[in-house]
C-alpha atoms as a PDB file:
ATOM      1  CA  MET A   1      47.217 186.121-116.261  1.00  0.00           C
ATOM      2  CA  SER A   2      44.711 184.207-118.024  1.00  0.00           C
ATOM      3  CA  SER A   3      41.294 186.333-118.711  1.00  0.00           C
ATOM      4  CA  ASN A   4      39.470 183.070-116.774  1.00  0.00           C
ATOM      5  CA  LEU A   5      41.422 183.117-113.831  1.00  0.00           C
ATOM      6  CA  ASP A   6      41.843 187.350-113.828  1.00  0.00           C
ATOM      7  CA  GLN A   7      37.783 187.851-113.835  1.00  0.00           C
ATOM      8  CA  LEU A   8      37.378 184.727-111.184  1.00  0.00           C
ATOM      9  CA  TYR A   9      39.888 187.104-108.754  1.00  0.00           C
ATOM     10  CA  ARG A  10      37.875 190.233-109.606  1.00  0.00           C
ATOM     11  CA  ARG A  11      35.198 188.465-108.490  1.00  0.00           C
ATOM     12  CA  VAL A  12      36.221 187.064-105.297  1.00  0.00           C
ATOM     13  CA  ILE A  13      37.782 190.959-104.442  1.00  0.00           C
ATOM     14  CA  MET A  14      34.205 192.059-105.268  1.00  0.00           C
ATOM     15  CA  ASP A  15      32.445 189.567-102.970  1.00  0.00           C
ATOM     16  CA  HIS A  16      34.467 190.260-100.212  1.00  0.00           C
ATOM     17  CA  TYR A  17      34.198 194.092-100.874  1.00  0.00           C
ATOM     18  CA  LYS A  18      30.582 193.554-101.262  1.00  0.00           C
ATOM     19  CA  ASN A  19      29.882 191.091 -98.676  1.00  0.00           C
ATOM     20  CA  PRO A  20      33.342 191.923 -96.362  1.00  0.00           C
ATOM     21  CA  ARG A  21      34.262 189.015 -93.411  1.00  0.00           C
ATOM     22  CA  ASN A  22      34.272 190.334 -89.410  1.00  0.00           C
ATOM     23  CA  LYS A  23      32.461 193.757 -90.227  1.00  0.00           C
ATOM     24  CA  GLY A  24      32.431 195.742 -87.019  1.00  0.00           C
ATOM     25  CA  SER A  25      34.678 195.760 -83.803  1.00  0.00           C
ATOM     26  CA  ILE A  26      35.592 193.543 -80.550  1.00  0.00           C
ATOM     27  CA  GLU A  27      35.053 195.597 -77.562  1.00  0.00           C
ATOM     28  CA  ASP A  28      36.676 194.945 -74.169  1.00  0.00           C
ATOM     29  CA  GLY A  29      39.820 195.277 -74.172  1.00  0.00           C
ATOM     30  CA  ALA A  30      41.267 194.682 -77.538  1.00  0.00           C
ATOM     31  CA  LEU A  31      44.197 196.171 -79.281  1.00  0.00           C
ATOM     32  CA  THR A  32      42.767 199.103 -81.633  1.00  0.00           C
ATOM     33  CA  ILE A  33      44.682 199.841 -84.752  1.00  0.00           C
ATOM     34  CA  ASP A  34      43.468 202.872 -87.117  1.00  0.00           C
ATOM     35  CA  MET A  35      45.523 204.033 -90.266  1.00  0.00           C
ATOM     36  CA  ASN A  36      44.509 205.403 -93.036  1.00  0.00           C
ATOM     37  CA  ASN A  37      46.351 206.131 -96.593  1.00  0.00           C
ATOM     38  CA  PRO A  38      46.605 209.354 -97.511  1.00  0.00           C
ATOM     39  CA  THR A  39      47.163 209.434-100.955  1.00  0.00           C
ATOM     40  CA  CYS A  40      43.592 207.997-101.334  1.00  0.00           C
ATOM     41  CA  GLY A  41      41.555 208.570 -98.472  1.00  0.00           C
ATOM     42  CA  ASP A  42      41.593 204.731 -97.265  1.00  0.00           C
ATOM     43  CA  ARG A  43      40.945 204.109 -93.620  1.00  0.00           C
ATOM     44  CA  ILE A  44      40.913 201.253 -91.450  1.00  0.00           C
ATOM     45  CA  HIS A  45      39.804 200.784 -87.602  1.00  0.00           C
ATOM     46  CA  LEU A  46      41.264 197.359 -86.537  1.00  0.00           C
ATOM     47  CA  THR A  47      40.535 195.377 -83.365  1.00  0.00           C
ATOM     48  CA  LEU A  48      42.447 192.190 -82.953  1.00  0.00           C
ATOM     49  CA  GLN A  49      41.784 190.486 -80.173  1.00  0.00           C
ATOM     50  CA  VAL A  50      45.456 188.287 -78.926  1.00  0.00           C
ATOM     51  CA  GLU A  51      45.543 186.256 -76.338  1.00  0.00           C
ATOM     52  CA  ASP A  52      48.477 183.594 -75.326  1.00  0.00           C
ATOM     53  CA  GLY A  53      49.972 184.863 -78.420  1.00  0.00           C
ATOM     54  CA  LYS A  54      46.942 183.630 -80.271  1.00  0.00           C
ATOM     55  CA  ILE A  55      44.900 186.398 -82.762  1.00  0.00           C
ATOM     56  CA  GLN A  56      41.781 184.721 -81.145  1.00  0.00           C
ATOM     57  CA  ASN A  57      39.282 187.736 -83.341  1.00  0.00           C
ATOM     58  CA  ALA A  58      39.998 190.034 -85.705  1.00  0.00           C
ATOM     59  CA  LYS A  59      37.482 192.705 -86.869  1.00  0.00           C
ATOM     60  CA  PHE A  60      37.840 195.657 -89.290  1.00  0.00           C
ATOM     61  CA  ASP A  61      35.758 198.929 -90.009  1.00  0.00           C
ATOM     62  CA  GLY A  62      36.689 201.796 -92.349  1.00  0.00           C
ATOM     63  CA  GLU A  63      35.970 202.670 -95.583  1.00  0.00           C
ATOM     64  CA  GLY A  64      37.916 203.254 -98.678  1.00  0.00           C
ATOM     65  CA  CYS A  65      38.125 201.476-102.309  1.00  0.00           C
ATOM     66  CA  SER A  66      37.382 198.028-103.004  1.00  0.00           C
ATOM     67  CA  ILE A  67      40.885 196.872-102.967  1.00  0.00           C
ATOM     68  CA  SER A  68      41.463 198.028 -99.112  1.00  0.00           C
ATOM     69  CA  MET A  69      38.411 196.795 -98.481  1.00  0.00           C
ATOM     70  CA  ALA A  70      38.383 193.592 -99.821  1.00  0.00           C
ATOM     71  CA  SER A  71      42.026 193.181 -98.067  1.00  0.00           C
ATOM     72  CA  ALA A  72      40.401 193.793 -95.395  1.00  0.00           C
ATOM     73  CA  SER A  73      38.032 191.217 -95.310  1.00  0.00           C
ATOM     74  CA  MET A  74      40.721 188.396 -96.258  1.00  0.00           C
ATOM     75  CA  MET A  75      43.492 189.631 -93.785  1.00  0.00           C
ATOM     76  CA  THR A  76      40.806 189.211 -90.551  1.00  0.00           C
ATOM     77  CA  GLN A  77      39.897 185.823 -91.907  1.00  0.00           C
ATOM     78  CA  ALA A  78      43.004 185.077 -92.184  1.00  0.00           C
ATOM     79  CA  VAL A  79      44.952 185.347 -89.497  1.00  0.00           C
ATOM     80  CA  LYS A  80      42.265 184.460 -87.431  1.00  0.00           C
ATOM     81  CA  GLY A  81      42.786 181.985 -84.769  1.00  0.00           C
ATOM     82  CA  LYS A  82      47.003 181.813 -85.979  1.00  0.00           C
ATOM     83  CA  SER A  83      49.899 182.812 -83.445  1.00  0.00           C
ATOM     84  CA  VAL A  84      51.075 185.812 -83.689  1.00  0.00           C
ATOM     85  CA  GLU A  85      54.036 184.601 -85.553  1.00  0.00           C
ATOM     86  CA  GLU A  86      52.000 182.468 -88.480  1.00  0.00           C
ATOM     87  CA  ALA A  87      50.160 185.705 -88.799  1.00  0.00           C
ATOM     88  CA  LEU A  88      53.209 187.989 -89.112  1.00  0.00           C
ATOM     89  CA  GLN A  89      54.456 185.271 -91.957  1.00  0.00           C
ATOM     90  CA  LEU A  90      51.610 185.454 -94.096  1.00  0.00           C
ATOM     91  CA  SER A  91      51.936 189.449 -93.575  1.00  0.00           C
ATOM     92  CA  SER A  92      54.922 189.184 -94.860  1.00  0.00           C
ATOM     93  CA  THR A  93      54.104 186.601 -97.629  1.00  0.00           C
ATOM     94  CA  PHE A  94      52.043 189.358 -98.159  1.00  0.00           C
ATOM     95  CA  SER A  95      53.686 191.794 -98.983  1.00  0.00           C
ATOM     96  CA  GLU A  96      56.147 190.106-100.827  1.00  0.00           C
ATOM     97  CA  MET A  97      52.924 188.918-102.946  1.00  0.00           C
ATOM     98  CA  MET A  98      52.176 192.975-103.768  1.00  0.00           C
ATOM     99  CA  LEU A  99      55.984 194.018-104.326  1.00  0.00           C
ATOM    100  CA  GLY A 100      55.846 191.431-107.339  1.00  0.00           C
ATOM    101  CA  LYS A 101      58.331 189.117-105.397  1.00  0.00           C
ATOM    102  CA  ASP A 102      58.487 185.721-105.396  1.00  0.00           C
ATOM    103  CA  TYR A 103      56.685 184.153-102.625  1.00  0.00           C
ATOM    104  CA  ASP A 104      56.558 181.423-100.262  1.00  0.00           C
ATOM    105  CA  ASP A 105      53.437 179.480-102.210  1.00  0.00           C
ATOM    106  CA  SER A 106      53.588 176.309 -99.540  1.00  0.00           C
ATOM    107  CA  LEU A 107      51.181 178.512 -97.572  1.00  0.00           C
ATOM    108  CA  ASP A 108      47.704 178.603 -98.424  1.00  0.00           C
ATOM    109  CA  LEU A 109      46.633 182.463 -98.902  1.00  0.00           C
ATOM    110  CA  GLU A 110      43.228 181.188-100.120  1.00  0.00           C
ATOM    111  CA  ASP A 111      40.637 183.858-101.179  1.00  0.00           C
ATOM    112  CA  ILE A 112      44.121 186.009-100.499  1.00  0.00           C
ATOM    113  CA  GLU A 113      45.963 185.484-103.720  1.00  0.00           C
ATOM    114  CA  SER A 114      43.375 186.356-105.730  1.00  0.00           C
ATOM    115  CA  LEU A 115      44.917 190.666-104.889  1.00  0.00           C
ATOM    116  CA  SER A 116      47.586 189.229-107.040  1.00  0.00           C
ATOM    117  CA  GLY A 117      47.302 191.567-109.632  1.00  0.00           C
ATOM    118  CA  VAL A 118      47.664 194.107-107.224  1.00  0.00           C
ATOM    119  CA  SER A 119      51.367 193.834-107.939  1.00  0.00           C
ATOM    120  CA  GLN A 120      50.691 195.628-111.517  1.00  0.00           C
ATOM    121  CA  PHE A 121      49.175 198.677-110.215  1.00  0.00           C
ATOM    122  CA  PRO A 122      51.853 200.405-107.965  1.00  0.00           C
ATOM    123  CA  ALA A 123      49.632 203.310-106.958  1.00  0.00           C
ATOM    124  CA  ARG A 124      47.056 200.499-105.826  1.00  0.00           C
ATOM    125  CA  ILE A 125      50.020 198.269-103.589  1.00  0.00           C
ATOM    126  CA  LYS A 126      48.964 200.793-100.267  1.00  0.00           C
ATOM    127  CA  CYS A 127      45.171 200.019-100.482  1.00  0.00           C
ATOM    128  CA  ALA A 128      45.842 195.983-100.190  1.00  0.00           C
ATOM    129  CA  THR A 129      48.465 196.617 -97.537  1.00  0.00           C
ATOM    130  CA  LEU A 130      46.873 199.238 -95.393  1.00  0.00           C
ATOM    131  CA  ALA A 131      45.046 196.482 -93.173  1.00  0.00           C
ATOM    132  CA  TRP A 132      47.904 194.429 -92.859  1.00  0.00           C
ATOM    133  CA  LYS A 133      49.826 196.685 -92.212  1.00  0.00           C
ATOM    134  CA  ALA A 134      47.555 197.820 -89.439  1.00  0.00           C
ATOM    135  CA  MET A 135      47.641 194.383 -87.943  1.00  0.00           C
ATOM    136  CA  GLU A 136      51.424 194.254 -88.173  1.00  0.00           C
ATOM    137  CA  LYS A 137      51.579 197.322 -85.870  1.00  0.00           C
ATOM    138  CA  GLY A 138      48.260 195.941 -83.560  1.00  0.00           C
ATOM    139  CA  VAL A 139      50.601 192.882 -82.559  1.00  0.00           C
ATOM    140  CA  SER A 140      54.088 194.119 -81.984  1.00  0.00           C
ATOM    141  CA  GLU A 141      52.790 196.865 -79.866  1.00  0.00           C
ATOM    142  CA  GLU A 142      50.692 194.360 -77.960  1.00  0.00           C
ATOM    143  CA  LYS A 143      54.657 192.388 -78.332  1.00  0.00           C
ATOM    144  CA  GLU A 144      55.733 195.330 -76.097  1.00  0.00           C
END
């Protein structure tokens, strides 16, 4: 990765960390998912409003490193307004990116792509995927 692109990605990550999007929680019957990463102490409280198979709203709270909190911010932005199937596809693509695999780059990943460099740091992959795993767990429970 070029150093200019690396610096841009770093700025995007820090912007989401310092100015998180969709921070807070949704009341009134929202799906609530709490997850943590015991190896580093990251924890997330995710709330999702799912209606008619579509994620109408997504908010998170929690604490953790810049990677986990920025990823949660990006994830909530990315899944809002998407169908559950689209959100799960996005999560699958994100997981492939985190594992350094080829992924479907036809999807518009927007800011999420700035996390692609995390794949070079195996210890940080769990940080980046925590919010995504919480979303997957929440929508899977909703389906049942």
